[in-house]
């Protein structure tokens, strides 16, 4: 493996950090999106980063996380001292909901990502942030994906909501395929994708849920549950606006990724979230997503083409 990656000794391999991972760079260079997790490449620094991240989140999860997330962490039997093996994660997760974590080498085009959810597959980053910069995350890493997202995938109701979202993406493909004018096709695809991206952001990534006792809220969004600072901020800060989810607000609300979120939405339950995905798909069929407000998120040509060129 060291020779393949261009290194003389195993000690020279810099592990699998988000900022320097020869294995990942080689996979990308060869056009490999789905890969195997090369577990032996994780070094001591990588495992130490996981240990520190996991250790400091424990108390905050207990205080601010949705109870079903806590159940998911327990179900997965995550090792607090070492980067998880995806095969072990899947061993505990798949029997409950059919979901499996699937290693990828980097960014997954939008439609491929959403369609993976329909198939109960979760594209999973295998690199991890630098142990000396735990709060700096230029891109998703394995802690965000496995400790933030995947515990929720052990919950049947949440898993069904993800699958339904993937099915909505397939509905979007059928809709845009019928548009003959190329410019109009791109315009409407972009609008529908913005609506879907905003919905995903304000629910799966940064969603809040009513607490079981009806008093206060708990976090279920992965962006919150994998962030030591923002998790507490999202629940306690008076600077955060928290509203019951309203779909017309969500699909027209832009978001920015480089600071704590000032506006969050609350669902009542995962069954409520599932229903909201259904409403989103109905609105898509009725043309209500064809002219959402402009602004963030910006969409790459690759993402837009992934919908237009997908197999219907």
Protein backbone atom coordinates (compact mmCIF):
# COMPACT_ATOMS: atom_id res chain seq x y z
CA UNK A 1 0.00 0.00 0.00
CA UNK A 2 2.82 2.42 0.83
CA UNK A 3 4.45 1.83 -2.53
CA UNK A 4 1.17 2.34 -4.33
CA UNK A 5 0.70 5.68 -2.65
CA UNK A 6 4.20 6.84 -3.41
CA UNK A 7 5.70 6.59 0.10
CA UNK A 8 8.80 4.77 1.24
CA UNK A 9 7.67 3.62 4.68
CA UNK A 10 4.40 3.08 6.49
CA UNK A 11 5.34 5.90 8.88
CA UNK A 12 5.34 8.34 5.98
CA UNK A 13 1.65 7.76 5.26
CA UNK A 14 -0.16 10.77 6.74
CA UNK A 15 -3.28 8.82 7.62
CA UNK A 16 -6.70 9.85 6.38
CA UNK A 17 -7.22 13.45 7.39
CA UNK A 18 -9.57 15.70 5.44
CA UNK A 19 -6.66 17.87 4.31
CA UNK A 20 -4.09 15.26 3.25
CA UNK A 21 -5.01 11.73 2.27
CA UNK A 22 -3.03 10.20 -0.61
CA UNK A 23 -5.38 7.20 -0.77
CA UNK A 24 -8.34 9.50 -1.35
CA UNK A 25 -6.44 11.62 -3.86
CA UNK A 26 -5.51 8.49 -5.80
CA UNK A 27 -9.12 7.28 -5.82
CA UNK A 28 -10.34 10.61 -7.12
CA UNK A 29 -7.63 10.68 -9.78
CA UNK A 30 -8.91 7.32 -11.05
CA UNK A 31 -12.53 8.45 -11.00
CA UNK A 32 -13.46 6.09 -8.16
CA UNK A 33 -16.43 7.42 -6.19
CA UNK A 34 -17.39 4.35 -4.17
CA UNK A 35 -14.42 2.80 -2.41
CA UNK A 36 -13.45 0.40 0.34
CA UNK A 37 -12.50 1.81 3.72
CA UNK A 38 -8.71 1.22 4.01
CA UNK A 39 -8.81 0.86 7.77
CA UNK A 40 -5.10 0.11 8.19
CA UNK A 41 -4.28 3.58 6.87
CA UNK A 42 -5.73 5.31 9.93
CA UNK A 43 -2.84 6.37 12.13
CA UNK A 44 -2.59 7.27 15.79
CA UNK A 45 -3.45 10.91 15.15
CA UNK A 46 -6.62 9.89 13.33
CA UNK A 47 -7.79 7.70 16.20
CA UNK A 48 -6.87 10.42 18.70
CA UNK A 49 -9.00 12.92 16.78
CA UNK A 50 -11.95 10.53 16.95
CA UNK A 51 -11.34 9.91 20.68
CA UNK A 52 -11.30 13.61 21.50
CA UNK A 53 -14.33 14.39 19.37
CA UNK A 54 -16.37 11.55 20.83
CA UNK A 55 -15.35 12.24 24.43
CA UNK A 56 -16.28 15.90 24.42
CA UNK A 57 -19.67 15.31 22.77
CA UNK A 58 -20.94 12.82 25.36
CA UNK A 59 -22.31 15.28 27.92
CA UNK A 60 -23.75 17.56 25.26
CA UNK A 61 -25.54 14.68 23.55
CA UNK A 62 -27.09 13.67 26.84
CA UNK A 63 -28.32 17.20 27.41
CA UNK A 64 -29.37 18.39 23.96
CA UNK A 65 -29.86 15.40 21.63
CA UNK A 66 -33.12 13.79 20.68
CA UNK A 67 -33.64 10.55 22.65
CA UNK A 68 -33.78 8.47 19.49
CA UNK A 69 -30.32 9.70 18.58
CA UNK A 70 -29.02 8.56 21.96
CA UNK A 71 -30.61 5.17 21.37
CA UNK A 72 -28.90 5.05 17.99
CA UNK A 73 -25.46 5.74 19.46
CA UNK A 74 -26.03 2.90 21.89
CA UNK A 75 -27.27 0.57 19.14
CA UNK A 76 -24.19 1.15 16.99
CA UNK A 77 -21.79 0.25 19.83
CA UNK A 78 -19.34 2.87 18.61
CA UNK A 79 -15.83 2.56 20.04
CA UNK A 80 -15.10 5.87 21.78
CA UNK A 81 -11.36 5.45 21.29
CA UNK A 82 -11.02 4.49 17.61
CA UNK A 83 -12.32 5.45 14.19
CA UNK A 84 -15.19 3.06 13.42
CA UNK A 85 -15.09 0.34 10.81
CA UNK A 86 -18.02 0.79 8.45
CA UNK A 87 -18.55 -2.97 8.32
CA UNK A 88 -19.10 -2.95 12.09
CA UNK A 89 -21.46 0.03 11.87
CA UNK A 90 -23.48 -1.76 9.19
CA UNK A 91 -23.59 -4.95 11.23
CA UNK A 92 -25.60 -3.14 13.89
CA UNK A 93 -27.56 -0.75 11.65
CA UNK A 94 -28.71 -2.83 8.68
CA UNK A 95 -30.83 -5.33 10.67
CA UNK A 96 -32.86 -2.45 12.15
CA UNK A 97 -33.64 -0.32 9.10
CA UNK A 98 -31.83 -1.79 6.10
CA UNK A 99 -29.54 1.25 5.89
CA UNK A 100 -25.84 0.81 5.20
CA UNK A 101 -22.95 3.28 5.30
CA UNK A 102 -21.14 3.22 1.96
CA UNK A 103 -17.64 4.69 1.73
CA UNK A 104 -17.01 7.41 -0.87
CA UNK A 105 -13.88 9.25 -1.99
CA UNK A 106 -15.42 12.71 -1.90
CA UNK A 107 -18.37 14.81 -3.02
CA UNK A 108 -21.32 12.89 -4.43
CA UNK A 109 -23.39 14.72 -7.11
CA UNK A 110 -26.77 15.73 -5.73
CA UNK A 111 -29.03 13.23 -7.49
CA UNK A 112 -26.70 10.30 -6.81
CA UNK A 113 -26.68 11.25 -3.13
CA UNK A 114 -30.45 11.49 -2.84
CA UNK A 115 -30.98 8.33 -4.87
CA UNK A 116 -28.62 6.49 -2.52
CA UNK A 117 -31.02 7.33 0.31
CA UNK A 118 -33.85 5.79 -1.69
CA UNK A 119 -31.78 2.59 -1.83
CA UNK A 120 -31.07 2.82 1.92
CA UNK A 121 -27.40 3.57 1.33
CA UNK A 122 -25.63 6.49 2.98
CA UNK A 123 -22.56 7.89 1.15
CA UNK A 124 -20.01 8.16 3.94
CA UNK A 125 -16.80 10.18 4.13
CA UNK A 126 -13.93 8.13 5.56
CA UNK A 127 -11.40 10.89 6.26
CA UNK A 128 -11.27 12.63 9.64
CA UNK A 129 -10.33 16.15 10.68
CA UNK A 130 -6.89 16.99 12.07
CA UNK A 131 -6.56 16.23 15.80
CA UNK A 132 -5.07 19.68 16.35
CA UNK A 133 -8.02 21.49 14.72
CA UNK A 134 -11.12 19.75 15.98
CA UNK A 135 -13.44 22.67 15.30
CA UNK A 136 -12.17 23.35 11.80
CA UNK A 137 -14.07 21.32 9.24
CA UNK A 138 -13.67 22.40 5.61
CA UNK A 139 -15.76 19.44 4.46
CA UNK A 140 -17.72 16.53 5.96
CA UNK A 141 -15.65 13.88 7.71
CA UNK A 142 -16.28 10.48 9.25
CA UNK A 143 -17.18 11.98 12.62
CA UNK A 144 -19.87 14.17 11.05
CA UNK A 145 -21.22 11.27 9.02
CA UNK A 146 -20.99 8.39 11.49
CA UNK A 147 -21.45 10.18 14.83
CA UNK A 148 -23.78 12.87 13.45
CA UNK A 149 -25.92 11.21 10.77
CA UNK A 150 -25.81 7.46 11.19
CA UNK A 151 -27.24 7.01 14.72
CA UNK A 152 -30.50 8.45 13.35
CA UNK A 153 -30.45 5.83 10.58
CA UNK A 154 -31.11 3.14 13.19
CA UNK A 155 -34.56 4.65 13.79
CA UNK A 156 -37.20 3.16 11.44
CA UNK A 157 -39.34 6.31 11.24
CA UNK A 158 -36.38 8.55 10.42
CA UNK A 159 -35.01 6.01 7.94
CA UNK A 160 -38.37 5.92 6.15
CA UNK A 161 -38.32 9.73 5.90
CA UNK A 162 -34.90 9.58 4.22
CA UNK A 163 -36.11 6.96 1.76
CA UNK A 164 -39.15 9.08 0.96
CA UNK A 165 -36.86 12.04 0.30
CA UNK A 166 -34.89 9.90 -2.14
CA UNK A 167 -38.13 8.97 -3.85
CA UNK A 168 -39.00 12.66 -4.13
CA UNK A 169 -35.69 13.21 -5.93
CA UNK A 170 -36.71 10.53 -8.41
CA UNK A 171 -40.03 12.33 -8.90
CA UNK A 172 -38.06 15.50 -9.67
CA UNK A 173 -36.18 13.67 -12.41
CA UNK A 174 -39.44 12.54 -14.04
CA UNK A 175 -40.72 16.13 -13.96
CA UNK A 176 -37.67 17.81 -15.48
CA UNK A 177 -37.32 15.11 -18.15
CA UNK A 178 -40.62 16.30 -19.64
CA UNK A 179 -39.37 19.87 -20.16
CA UNK A 180 -38.32 20.31 -23.78
CA UNK A 181 -36.73 23.76 -23.73
CA UNK A 182 -33.12 23.36 -22.45
CA UNK A 183 -32.97 26.75 -20.71
CA UNK A 184 -36.32 26.26 -18.99
CA UNK A 185 -35.26 22.76 -17.99
CA UNK A 186 -32.15 24.11 -16.25
CA UNK A 187 -34.10 26.93 -14.61
CA UNK A 188 -36.81 24.70 -13.17
CA UNK A 189 -34.35 21.99 -12.17
CA UNK A 190 -32.31 24.58 -10.30
CA UNK A 191 -35.39 25.88 -8.48
CA UNK A 192 -36.57 22.39 -7.48
CA UNK A 193 -33.07 21.49 -6.31
CA UNK A 194 -32.80 24.64 -4.19
CA UNK A 195 -36.09 23.74 -2.51
CA UNK A 196 -34.90 20.19 -1.85
CA UNK A 197 -31.49 21.31 -0.58
CA UNK A 198 -33.07 23.84 1.78
CA UNK A 199 -35.49 21.25 3.12
CA UNK A 200 -32.67 18.77 3.70
CA UNK A 201 -30.55 21.45 5.39
CA UNK A 202 -33.25 22.63 7.80
CA UNK A 203 -34.32 19.09 8.72
CA UNK A 204 -31.75 16.33 8.29
CA UNK A 205 -28.74 18.60 8.82
CA UNK A 206 -30.00 21.26 11.25
CA UNK A 207 -33.38 20.08 12.46
CA UNK A 208 -34.88 20.50 15.92
CA UNK A 209 -37.68 18.39 17.39
CA UNK A 210 -40.14 18.98 20.18
CA UNK A 211 -38.92 17.30 23.36
CA UNK A 212 -40.85 14.16 24.40
CA UNK A 213 -42.37 15.94 27.39
CA UNK A 214 -43.47 18.82 25.17
CA UNK A 215 -41.21 21.26 27.01
CA UNK A 216 -38.42 22.73 24.94
CA UNK A 217 -36.69 21.20 21.94
CA UNK A 218 -33.96 18.67 21.19
CA UNK A 219 -31.60 18.38 18.22
CA UNK A 220 -31.79 15.65 15.61
CA UNK A 221 -29.92 17.34 12.74
CA UNK A 222 -26.46 15.91 12.08
CA UNK A 223 -24.82 19.30 11.65
CA UNK A 224 -25.83 20.13 15.19
CA UNK A 225 -25.11 16.72 16.70
CA UNK A 226 -21.54 16.66 15.35
CA UNK A 227 -20.70 20.22 16.46
CA UNK A 228 -19.58 20.79 20.04
CA UNK A 229 -20.25 24.52 19.91
CA UNK A 230 -23.34 24.75 17.76
CA UNK A 231 -25.28 21.99 19.50
CA UNK A 232 -25.51 23.99 22.72
CA UNK A 233 -25.94 27.25 20.80
CA UNK A 234 -28.90 25.86 18.83
CA UNK A 235 -30.85 25.02 21.98
CA UNK A 236 -29.85 27.76 24.42
CA UNK A 237 -28.82 30.89 22.51
CA UNK A 238 -31.34 33.77 22.46
CA UNK A 239 -29.83 34.73 19.10
CA UNK A 240 -31.38 31.70 17.39
CA UNK A 241 -34.89 31.97 15.96
CA UNK A 242 -36.77 28.68 16.37
CA UNK A 243 -40.11 28.15 14.61
CA UNK A 244 -42.46 25.21 14.00
CA UNK A 245 -41.66 23.98 10.51
CA UNK A 246 -43.58 25.70 7.73
CA UNK A 247 -42.77 24.32 4.31
CA UNK A 248 -43.30 27.60 2.45
CA UNK A 249 -40.73 29.22 4.73
CA UNK A 250 -38.24 26.40 4.46
CA UNK A 251 -38.13 26.13 0.68
CA UNK A 252 -37.66 29.89 0.27
CA UNK A 253 -35.12 30.41 3.08
CA UNK A 254 -31.49 30.65 2.01
CA UNK A 255 -28.75 29.37 4.28
CA UNK A 256 -25.01 29.89 4.66
CA UNK A 257 -22.62 27.21 5.83
CA UNK A 258 -19.75 29.18 7.37
CA UNK A 259 -21.33 30.28 10.67
CA UNK A 260 -23.79 29.11 13.32
CA UNK A 261 -27.33 28.97 11.96
CA UNK A 262 -29.52 31.88 13.13
CA UNK A 263 -32.83 30.27 12.08
CA UNK A 264 -33.95 26.70 12.84
CA UNK A 265 -37.20 24.78 12.36
CA UNK A 266 -38.95 22.36 14.70
CA UNK A 267 -40.79 19.15 13.78
CA UNK A 268 -43.06 17.32 16.20
CA UNK A 269 -41.78 13.81 15.45
CA UNK A 270 -40.14 11.74 12.74
CA UNK A 271 -43.60 10.74 11.58
CA UNK A 272 -44.28 14.48 11.17
CA UNK A 273 -41.03 14.78 9.18
CA UNK A 274 -42.13 11.90 6.94
CA UNK A 275 -45.42 13.71 6.27
CA UNK A 276 -43.58 16.92 5.41
CA UNK A 277 -41.46 15.10 2.82
CA UNK A 278 -44.72 13.91 1.28
CA UNK A 279 -46.04 17.46 1.13
CA UNK A 280 -42.77 18.59 -0.47
CA UNK A 281 -43.19 15.96 -3.19
CA UNK A 282 -46.84 16.94 -3.74
CA UNK A 283 -45.84 20.59 -4.10
CA UNK A 284 -43.18 19.52 -6.60
CA UNK A 285 -45.83 17.77 -8.72
CA UNK A 286 -48.07 20.85 -8.53
CA UNK A 287 -45.29 23.17 -9.72
CA UNK A 288 -44.99 24.97 -6.37
CA UNK A 289 -41.22 24.45 -6.32
CA UNK A 290 -40.65 25.90 -9.80
CA UNK A 291 -40.05 29.48 -8.65
CA UNK A 292 -38.56 29.48 -5.17
CA UNK A 293 -36.55 32.46 -3.98
CA UNK A 294 -33.04 32.89 -5.42
CA UNK A 295 -29.90 32.84 -3.33
CA UNK A 296 -28.05 30.19 -1.41
CA UNK A 297 -27.35 27.42 -1.76
CA UNK A 298 -25.43 27.88 -4.96
CA UNK A 299 -25.62 24.82 -7.20
CA UNK A 300 -22.86 23.53 -9.42
CA UNK A 301 -23.43 22.53 -13.01
CA UNK A 302 -22.51 18.98 -12.00
CA UNK A 303 -25.34 18.89 -9.47
CA UNK A 304 -27.91 20.29 -11.90
CA UNK A 305 -26.82 17.91 -14.68
CA UNK A 306 -27.02 14.99 -12.26
CA UNK A 307 -30.81 15.49 -12.18
CA UNK A 308 -31.27 16.29 -15.87
CA UNK A 309 -29.17 13.36 -17.05
CA UNK A 310 -30.37 10.80 -14.50
CA UNK A 311 -32.19 7.72 -15.68
CA UNK A 312 -35.92 8.29 -15.22
